[in-house]
């Protein structure tokens, strides 16, 4: 019975730590996201990577592995304390796949999500996240 109690304490501590870290990371990510993330022209970024193919491959690999790890953590947080849905969105933002930006615009452009993101940004004195061609301000 003593072994079970020790494991339970570790599980509770890990769960509480995961909850706190998830809130801090999500807030930092939202605050530091450029306001034009959903509307920016990505051609300049592509041109930089076209000149450096090794950098492009390494960056692609690191972003996708990190994105999968963050999405996995988000999936776990759906069943444990933490910001599961938000972490899944953050992981999606890192992944590189066809149709990523239209999907992100649709998910982040939902009134409740955009409103929450812009509330966090406003608290940090950051400009609101721009939503492409919409009258939705998220405020």
C-alpha atoms as a PDB file:
ATOM      1  CA  UNK A   1       0.000   0.000   0.000  1.00  0.00           C
ATOM      2  CA  UNK A   2       2.894   2.383   0.741  1.00  0.00           C
ATOM      3  CA  UNK A   3       4.194   2.079  -2.827  1.00  0.00           C
ATOM      4  CA  UNK A   4       0.808   3.125  -4.228  1.00  0.00           C
ATOM      5  CA  UNK A   5       0.736   6.248  -2.028  1.00  0.00           C
ATOM      6  CA  UNK A   6       4.228   7.234  -3.149  1.00  0.00           C
ATOM      7  CA  UNK A   7       3.277   6.838  -6.820  1.00  0.00           C
ATOM      8  CA  UNK A   8       0.081   8.818  -6.288  1.00  0.00           C
ATOM      9  CA  UNK A   9       2.037  11.703  -4.782  1.00  0.00           C
ATOM     10  CA  UNK A  10       4.427  11.727  -7.750  1.00  0.00           C
ATOM     11  CA  UNK A  11       1.512  11.639 -10.200  1.00  0.00           C
ATOM     12  CA  UNK A  12      -0.181  14.547  -8.418  1.00  0.00           C
ATOM     13  CA  UNK A  13       3.047  16.574  -8.314  1.00  0.00           C
ATOM     14  CA  UNK A  14       3.764  15.906 -11.982  1.00  0.00           C
ATOM     15  CA  UNK A  15       0.197  16.809 -12.892  1.00  0.00           C
ATOM     16  CA  UNK A  16       0.356  20.082 -10.942  1.00  0.00           C
ATOM     17  CA  UNK A  17       3.731  20.929 -12.500  1.00  0.00           C
ATOM     18  CA  UNK A  18       2.378  20.172 -15.982  1.00  0.00           C
ATOM     19  CA  UNK A  19      -0.601  22.443 -15.310  1.00  0.00           C
ATOM     20  CA  UNK A  20       1.542  25.389 -14.178  1.00  0.00           C
ATOM     21  CA  UNK A  21       4.091  24.962 -16.982  1.00  0.00           C
ATOM     22  CA  UNK A  22       1.330  24.706 -19.581  1.00  0.00           C
ATOM     23  CA  UNK A  23      -0.213  27.994 -18.449  1.00  0.00           C
ATOM     24  CA  UNK A  24       3.137  29.801 -18.459  1.00  0.00           C
ATOM     25  CA  UNK A  25       4.218  28.433 -21.865  1.00  0.00           C
ATOM     26  CA  UNK A  26       0.836  29.113 -23.476  1.00  0.00           C
ATOM     27  CA  UNK A  27       0.803  32.686 -22.178  1.00  0.00           C
ATOM     28  CA  UNK A  28       4.361  33.355 -23.360  1.00  0.00           C
ATOM     29  CA  UNK A  29       3.580  31.893 -26.764  1.00  0.00           C
ATOM     30  CA  UNK A  30       0.420  33.977 -27.188  1.00  0.00           C
ATOM     31  CA  UNK A  31       2.120  37.171 -26.056  1.00  0.00           C
ATOM     32  CA  UNK A  32       5.145  36.714 -28.332  1.00  0.00           C
ATOM     33  CA  UNK A  33       3.195  35.634 -31.415  1.00  0.00           C
ATOM     34  CA  UNK A  34       3.482  38.363 -34.065  1.00  0.00           C
ATOM     35  CA  UNK A  35       0.160  40.204 -34.469  1.00  0.00           C
ATOM     36  CA  UNK A  36       0.186  39.465 -38.202  1.00  0.00           C
ATOM     37  CA  UNK A  37       0.786  35.712 -37.767  1.00  0.00           C
ATOM     38  CA  UNK A  38      -2.414  34.845 -39.640  1.00  0.00           C
ATOM     39  CA  UNK A  39      -1.990  37.513 -42.333  1.00  0.00           C
ATOM     40  CA  UNK A  40       1.788  37.778 -42.955  1.00  0.00           C
ATOM     41  CA  UNK A  41       3.409  37.149 -46.322  1.00  0.00           C
ATOM     42  CA  UNK A  42       5.619  34.093 -45.942  1.00  0.00           C
ATOM     43  CA  UNK A  43       7.537  34.593 -49.204  1.00  0.00           C
ATOM     44  CA  UNK A  44      10.438  36.431 -47.505  1.00  0.00           C
ATOM     45  CA  UNK A  45      10.890  33.545 -45.084  1.00  0.00           C
ATOM     46  CA  UNK A  46      10.878  31.065 -47.968  1.00  0.00           C
ATOM     47  CA  UNK A  47      13.515  33.054 -49.850  1.00  0.00           C
ATOM     48  CA  UNK A  48      15.864  32.905 -46.848  1.00  0.00           C
ATOM     49  CA  UNK A  49      15.473  29.131 -46.667  1.00  0.00           C
ATOM     50  CA  UNK A  50      15.909  28.727 -50.432  1.00  0.00           C
ATOM     51  CA  UNK A  51      19.428  30.139 -50.073  1.00  0.00           C
ATOM     52  CA  UNK A  52      20.251  27.772 -47.213  1.00  0.00           C
ATOM     53  CA  UNK A  53      18.858  24.282 -47.925  1.00  0.00           C
ATOM     54  CA  UNK A  54      20.557  22.672 -44.911  1.00  0.00           C
ATOM     55  CA  UNK A  55      19.085  25.291 -42.579  1.00  0.00           C
ATOM     56  CA  UNK A  56      15.667  24.669 -44.141  1.00  0.00           C
ATOM     57  CA  UNK A  57      15.860  20.909 -43.575  1.00  0.00           C
ATOM     58  CA  UNK A  58      17.124  21.219 -39.997  1.00  0.00           C
ATOM     59  CA  UNK A  59      14.526  23.898 -39.174  1.00  0.00           C
ATOM     60  CA  UNK A  60      11.748  21.774 -40.737  1.00  0.00           C
ATOM     61  CA  UNK A  61      12.784  18.722 -38.696  1.00  0.00           C
ATOM     62  CA  UNK A  62      13.119  20.602 -35.390  1.00  0.00           C
ATOM     63  CA  UNK A  63       9.788  22.424 -35.830  1.00  0.00           C
ATOM     64  CA  UNK A  64       7.888  19.264 -36.716  1.00  0.00           C
ATOM     65  CA  UNK A  65       9.341  17.180 -33.885  1.00  0.00           C
ATOM     66  CA  UNK A  66       8.652  19.987 -31.405  1.00  0.00           C
ATOM     67  CA  UNK A  67       5.151  20.428 -32.838  1.00  0.00           C
ATOM     68  CA  UNK A  68       4.398  16.727 -32.432  1.00  0.00           C
ATOM     69  CA  UNK A  69       5.712  16.758 -28.864  1.00  0.00           C
ATOM     70  CA  UNK A  70       3.594  19.776 -27.969  1.00  0.00           C
ATOM     71  CA  UNK A  71       0.512  18.258 -29.606  1.00  0.00           C
ATOM     72  CA  UNK A  72       1.130  15.021 -27.695  1.00  0.00           C
ATOM     73  CA  UNK A  73       1.414  16.960 -24.444  1.00  0.00           C
ATOM     74  CA  UNK A  74      -1.838  18.716 -25.352  1.00  0.00           C
ATOM     75  CA  UNK A  75      -3.555  15.388 -25.949  1.00  0.00           C
ATOM     76  CA  UNK A  76      -2.393  14.188 -22.527  1.00  0.00           C
ATOM     77  CA  UNK A  77      -3.590  17.453 -20.975  1.00  0.00           C
ATOM     78  CA  UNK A  78      -7.080  16.786 -22.298  1.00  0.00           C
ATOM     79  CA  UNK A  79      -7.292  14.103 -19.588  1.00  0.00           C
ATOM     80  CA  UNK A  80      -5.074  15.707 -16.945  1.00  0.00           C
ATOM     81  CA  UNK A  81      -4.896  19.279 -15.635  1.00  0.00           C
ATOM     82  CA  UNK A  82      -3.514  21.651 -18.224  1.00  0.00           C
ATOM     83  CA  UNK A  83      -4.322  23.671 -21.303  1.00  0.00           C
ATOM     84  CA  UNK A  84      -4.856  20.703 -23.644  1.00  0.00           C
ATOM     85  CA  UNK A  85      -6.735  22.339 -26.510  1.00  0.00           C
ATOM     86  CA  UNK A  86      -4.450  25.352 -26.457  1.00  0.00           C
ATOM     87  CA  UNK A  87      -1.354  23.129 -26.601  1.00  0.00           C
ATOM     88  CA  UNK A  88      -2.806  21.180 -29.507  1.00  0.00           C
ATOM     89  CA  UNK A  89      -3.282  24.511 -31.342  1.00  0.00           C
ATOM     90  CA  UNK A  90       0.274  25.577 -30.470  1.00  0.00           C
ATOM     91  CA  UNK A  91       1.611  22.268 -31.769  1.00  0.00           C
ATOM     92  CA  UNK A  92      -0.362  22.737 -34.996  1.00  0.00           C
ATOM     93  CA  UNK A  93       1.229  26.148 -35.385  1.00  0.00           C
ATOM     94  CA  UNK A  94       4.665  24.535 -35.413  1.00  0.00           C
ATOM     95  CA  UNK A  95       3.878  21.658 -37.736  1.00  0.00           C
ATOM     96  CA  UNK A  96       4.446  22.018 -41.457  1.00  0.00           C
ATOM     97  CA  UNK A  97       1.709  20.458 -43.593  1.00  0.00           C
ATOM     98  CA  UNK A  98      -0.384  21.494 -46.600  1.00  0.00           C
ATOM     99  CA  UNK A  99      -3.414  23.547 -45.655  1.00  0.00           C
ATOM    100  CA  UNK A 100      -1.982  24.545 -42.279  1.00  0.00           C
ATOM    101  CA  UNK A 101      -2.734  28.277 -42.483  1.00  0.00           C
ATOM    102  CA  UNK A 102      -6.357  27.966 -43.656  1.00  0.00           C
ATOM    103  CA  UNK A 103      -6.925  25.467 -40.816  1.00  0.00           C
ATOM    104  CA  UNK A 104      -5.276  27.759 -38.255  1.00  0.00           C
ATOM    105  CA  UNK A 105      -7.273  30.744 -39.514  1.00  0.00           C
ATOM    106  CA  UNK A 106     -10.460  28.749 -39.105  1.00  0.00           C
ATOM    107  CA  UNK A 107      -9.549  27.497 -35.612  1.00  0.00           C
ATOM    108  CA  UNK A 108      -7.995  30.697 -34.253  1.00  0.00           C
ATOM    109  CA  UNK A 109     -10.640  32.834 -35.919  1.00  0.00           C
ATOM    110  CA  UNK A 110     -13.426  31.318 -33.887  1.00  0.00           C
ATOM    111  CA  UNK A 111     -14.858  34.151 -31.844  1.00  0.00           C
ATOM    112  CA  UNK A 112     -14.184  32.582 -28.434  1.00  0.00           C
ATOM    113  CA  UNK A 113     -10.614  31.544 -29.255  1.00  0.00           C
ATOM    114  CA  UNK A 114      -9.657  34.834 -30.866  1.00  0.00           C
ATOM    115  CA  UNK A 115     -11.283  36.749 -28.017  1.00  0.00           C
ATOM    116  CA  UNK A 116      -9.308  34.772 -25.394  1.00  0.00           C
ATOM    117  CA  UNK A 117      -6.021  35.193 -27.294  1.00  0.00           C
ATOM    118  CA  UNK A 118      -6.552  38.925 -27.700  1.00  0.00           C
ATOM    119  CA  UNK A 119      -7.519  39.297 -24.022  1.00  0.00           C
ATOM    120  CA  UNK A 120      -4.186  37.721 -23.003  1.00  0.00           C
ATOM    121  CA  UNK A 121      -2.360  39.935 -25.512  1.00  0.00           C
ATOM    122  CA  UNK A 122      -4.153  43.059 -24.222  1.00  0.00           C
ATOM    123  CA  UNK A 123      -3.169  42.208 -20.618  1.00  0.00           C
ATOM    124  CA  UNK A 124       0.456  42.065 -21.789  1.00  0.00           C
ATOM    125  CA  UNK A 125       0.111  45.397 -23.659  1.00  0.00           C
ATOM    126  CA  UNK A 126       0.506  43.663 -27.030  1.00  0.00           C
ATOM    127  CA  UNK A 127      -1.540  44.490 -30.149  1.00  0.00           C
ATOM    128  CA  UNK A 128      -4.409  42.117 -30.942  1.00  0.00           C
ATOM    129  CA  UNK A 129      -3.911  39.203 -33.297  1.00  0.00           C
ATOM    130  CA  UNK A 130      -5.000  40.286 -36.776  1.00  0.00           C
ATOM    131  CA  UNK A 131      -7.616  38.176 -38.485  1.00  0.00           C
ATOM    132  CA  UNK A 132      -7.452  38.226 -42.324  1.00  0.00           C
ATOM    133  CA  UNK A 133     -10.002  40.418 -44.054  1.00  0.00           C
ATOM    134  CA  UNK A 134     -12.556  40.128 -41.306  1.00  0.00           C
ATOM    135  CA  UNK A 135     -14.633  42.495 -39.301  1.00  0.00           C
ATOM    136  CA  UNK A 136     -14.016  40.180 -36.347  1.00  0.00           C
ATOM    137  CA  UNK A 137     -11.619  41.851 -33.977  1.00  0.00           C
ATOM    138  CA  UNK A 138     -11.805  39.284 -31.243  1.00  0.00           C
ATOM    139  CA  UNK A 139     -12.182  41.969 -28.630  1.00  0.00           C
END
